[in-house]
Amino acid sequence: MVELDHSFSTGKPADYNWDAVLDLDRIIPCVEGGKVIELENPDLAKAEIKVKMGAMSMTFKGTVEVAAKDEVAKHAILRIKSKDTGGSGYANADVAFTLNDGGGTIHTEAKITGKAASMGEGVVSTVLDALIKDFTTKLAAI
């Protein structure tokens, strides 16, 4: 399992950040290579992400779910469950957002198997770190 912590700034009010994080149609494309396939309901979407790890490119398909939300505390957990379409591995993660005026923090717990995991924890951490940093930049722009 890989755990990462990031803080980010959007320059926007907490309520705006809250609405953005919970809007799966808006937030999933903020992940590099991510797209919504089908919004099943406001708290569940089928999605895919294309990820480049070193010389390998992989596509993961699965779901993104708002697993928990506390509007008063501005804390939400998005649960990602996905399978590598070209192999037997998977990438699952719980991404916890704590939001405030101007930005917030993200705590990511990811479990990755298959080809992606064979690259080693250092490569996985580096790729996830870059994805999250890019995501927070795009989040600030929506």
Protein backbone atom coordinates (compact mmCIF):
# COMPACT_ATOMS: atom_id res chain seq x y z
CA MET A 1 0.00 0.00 0.00
CA VAL A 2 1.17 3.49 -0.84
CA GLU A 3 0.15 6.46 1.33
CA LEU A 4 0.63 10.06 0.24
CA ASP A 5 -0.30 13.42 1.75
CA HIS A 6 -0.67 16.66 -0.18
CA SER A 7 -1.91 20.12 0.59
CA PHE A 8 -3.26 22.32 -2.16
CA SER A 9 -4.64 25.74 -2.74
CA THR A 10 -7.46 26.83 -5.01
CA GLY A 11 -7.94 30.40 -3.84
CA LYS A 12 -11.65 29.59 -3.64
CA PRO A 13 -14.09 29.40 -0.68
CA ALA A 14 -14.57 26.11 1.19
CA ASP A 15 -18.13 25.68 -0.15
CA TYR A 16 -16.89 26.01 -3.74
CA ASN A 17 -14.10 23.46 -3.09
CA TRP A 18 -16.64 21.13 -1.45
CA ASP A 19 -19.02 21.29 -4.42
CA ALA A 20 -16.15 20.72 -6.89
CA VAL A 21 -14.80 17.63 -5.08
CA LEU A 22 -18.24 16.03 -4.88
CA ASP A 23 -19.09 16.70 -8.54
CA LEU A 24 -17.74 13.50 -10.13
CA ASP A 25 -18.41 14.80 -13.66
CA ARG A 26 -16.09 17.74 -12.95
CA ILE A 27 -13.46 16.13 -10.74
CA ILE A 28 -12.67 12.86 -12.58
CA PRO A 29 -11.36 14.67 -15.71
CA CYS A 30 -9.05 16.66 -13.40
CA VAL A 31 -6.98 13.46 -13.10
CA GLU A 32 -4.53 13.22 -16.01
CA GLY A 33 -5.92 10.59 -18.40
CA GLY A 34 -9.20 10.33 -16.46
CA LYS A 35 -12.65 10.37 -17.98
CA VAL A 36 -16.21 9.64 -16.92
CA ILE A 37 -17.77 6.75 -18.82
CA GLU A 38 -21.17 6.93 -17.12
CA LEU A 39 -22.53 8.85 -14.15
CA GLU A 40 -24.73 6.24 -12.42
CA ASN A 41 -25.90 8.69 -9.73
CA PRO A 42 -24.42 11.82 -8.09
CA ASP A 43 -22.26 9.64 -5.80
CA LEU A 44 -21.14 6.92 -8.24
CA ALA A 45 -19.50 7.03 -11.66
CA LYS A 46 -17.98 4.48 -14.00
CA ALA A 47 -14.64 5.87 -15.10
CA GLU A 48 -11.33 5.07 -16.73
CA ILE A 49 -7.83 6.42 -16.45
CA LYS A 50 -4.87 5.98 -18.76
CA VAL A 51 -1.62 6.02 -16.82
CA LYS A 52 1.96 6.08 -18.08
CA MET A 53 4.49 4.39 -15.78
CA GLY A 54 7.94 4.52 -17.21
CA ALA A 55 7.79 2.91 -20.66
CA MET A 56 4.42 1.24 -19.94
CA SER A 57 0.97 2.67 -20.52
CA MET A 58 -1.98 1.11 -18.77
CA THR A 59 -5.72 1.72 -18.79
CA PHE A 60 -7.72 1.13 -15.64
CA LYS A 61 -11.53 0.95 -15.70
CA GLY A 62 -13.76 0.92 -12.67
CA THR A 63 -15.79 3.09 -10.35
CA VAL A 64 -15.37 6.28 -8.37
CA GLU A 65 -17.71 6.54 -5.41
CA VAL A 66 -18.31 9.22 -2.81
CA ALA A 67 -17.88 6.78 0.10
CA ALA A 68 -18.26 9.31 2.92
CA LYS A 69 -19.04 12.99 3.28
CA ASP A 70 -19.33 15.34 6.22
CA GLU A 71 -20.44 18.72 4.95
CA VAL A 72 -19.95 20.48 8.30
CA ALA A 73 -16.31 19.32 8.58
CA LYS A 74 -15.84 19.61 4.78
CA HIS A 75 -14.37 16.10 4.77
CA ALA A 76 -15.08 13.59 1.97
CA ILE A 77 -13.68 10.24 0.92
CA LEU A 78 -13.71 9.16 -2.71
CA ARG A 79 -13.24 5.40 -3.20
CA ILE A 80 -11.70 4.25 -6.47
CA LYS A 81 -11.91 0.60 -7.55
CA SER A 82 -10.40 -0.24 -10.93
CA LYS A 83 -8.93 -3.08 -12.97
CA ASP A 84 -6.12 -2.99 -15.50
CA THR A 85 -7.87 -3.62 -18.84
CA GLY A 86 -4.70 -5.19 -20.27
CA GLY A 87 -3.82 -7.46 -17.39
CA SER A 88 -4.88 -8.98 -14.11
CA GLY A 89 -3.89 -6.13 -11.81
CA TYR A 90 -5.96 -3.51 -10.09
CA ALA A 91 -5.58 -0.04 -8.61
CA ASN A 92 -7.85 0.78 -5.68
CA ALA A 93 -7.62 3.87 -3.53
CA ASP A 94 -9.34 5.87 -0.84
CA VAL A 95 -8.76 9.57 -1.37
CA ALA A 96 -9.70 11.70 1.64
CA PHE A 97 -10.26 15.42 1.16
CA THR A 98 -10.35 17.91 4.00
CA LEU A 99 -11.33 21.28 2.57
CA ASN A 100 -11.19 24.85 3.79
CA ASP A 101 -11.25 28.37 2.43
CA GLY A 102 -8.47 28.55 -0.14
CA GLY A 103 -7.80 24.82 -0.55
CA GLY A 104 -7.28 21.82 1.70
CA THR A 105 -5.46 18.53 2.10
CA ILE A 106 -5.60 15.18 0.34
CA HIS A 107 -4.65 11.86 1.97
CA THR A 108 -4.35 8.98 -0.51
CA GLU A 109 -4.17 5.29 0.39
CA ALA A 110 -3.63 3.23 -2.76
CA LYS A 111 -3.37 -0.52 -3.26
CA ILE A 112 -1.94 -1.50 -6.61
CA THR A 113 -1.22 -4.97 -8.04
CA GLY A 114 -0.15 -6.44 -11.37
CA LYS A 115 2.14 -4.77 -13.91
CA ALA A 116 1.94 -1.38 -12.19
CA ALA A 117 3.05 -2.83 -8.84
CA SER A 118 5.91 -4.71 -10.52
CA MET A 119 7.49 -1.33 -11.29
CA GLY A 120 8.27 -0.99 -7.59
CA GLU A 121 6.90 1.18 -4.80
CA GLY A 122 9.24 4.07 -5.63
CA VAL A 123 7.98 4.35 -9.21
CA VAL A 124 4.34 3.92 -8.10
CA SER A 125 4.76 6.65 -5.46
CA THR A 126 6.41 9.00 -7.97
CA VAL A 127 3.67 8.48 -10.56
CA LEU A 128 0.88 8.89 -7.97
CA ASP A 129 2.57 11.98 -6.54
CA ALA A 130 2.77 13.57 -10.01
CA LEU A 131 -0.87 12.66 -10.76
CA ILE A 132 -2.07 14.24 -7.51
CA LYS A 133 -0.03 17.42 -7.99
CA ASP A 134 -1.37 17.78 -11.54
CA PHE A 135 -4.88 17.06 -10.23
CA THR A 136 -4.68 19.82 -7.61
CA THR A 137 -3.57 22.33 -10.28
CA LYS A 138 -6.57 21.39 -12.44
CA LEU A 139 -8.89 21.42 -9.42
CA ALA A 140 -7.90 25.01 -8.72
CA ALA A 141 -8.83 25.91 -12.31
CA ILE A 142 -12.37 24.47 -12.35
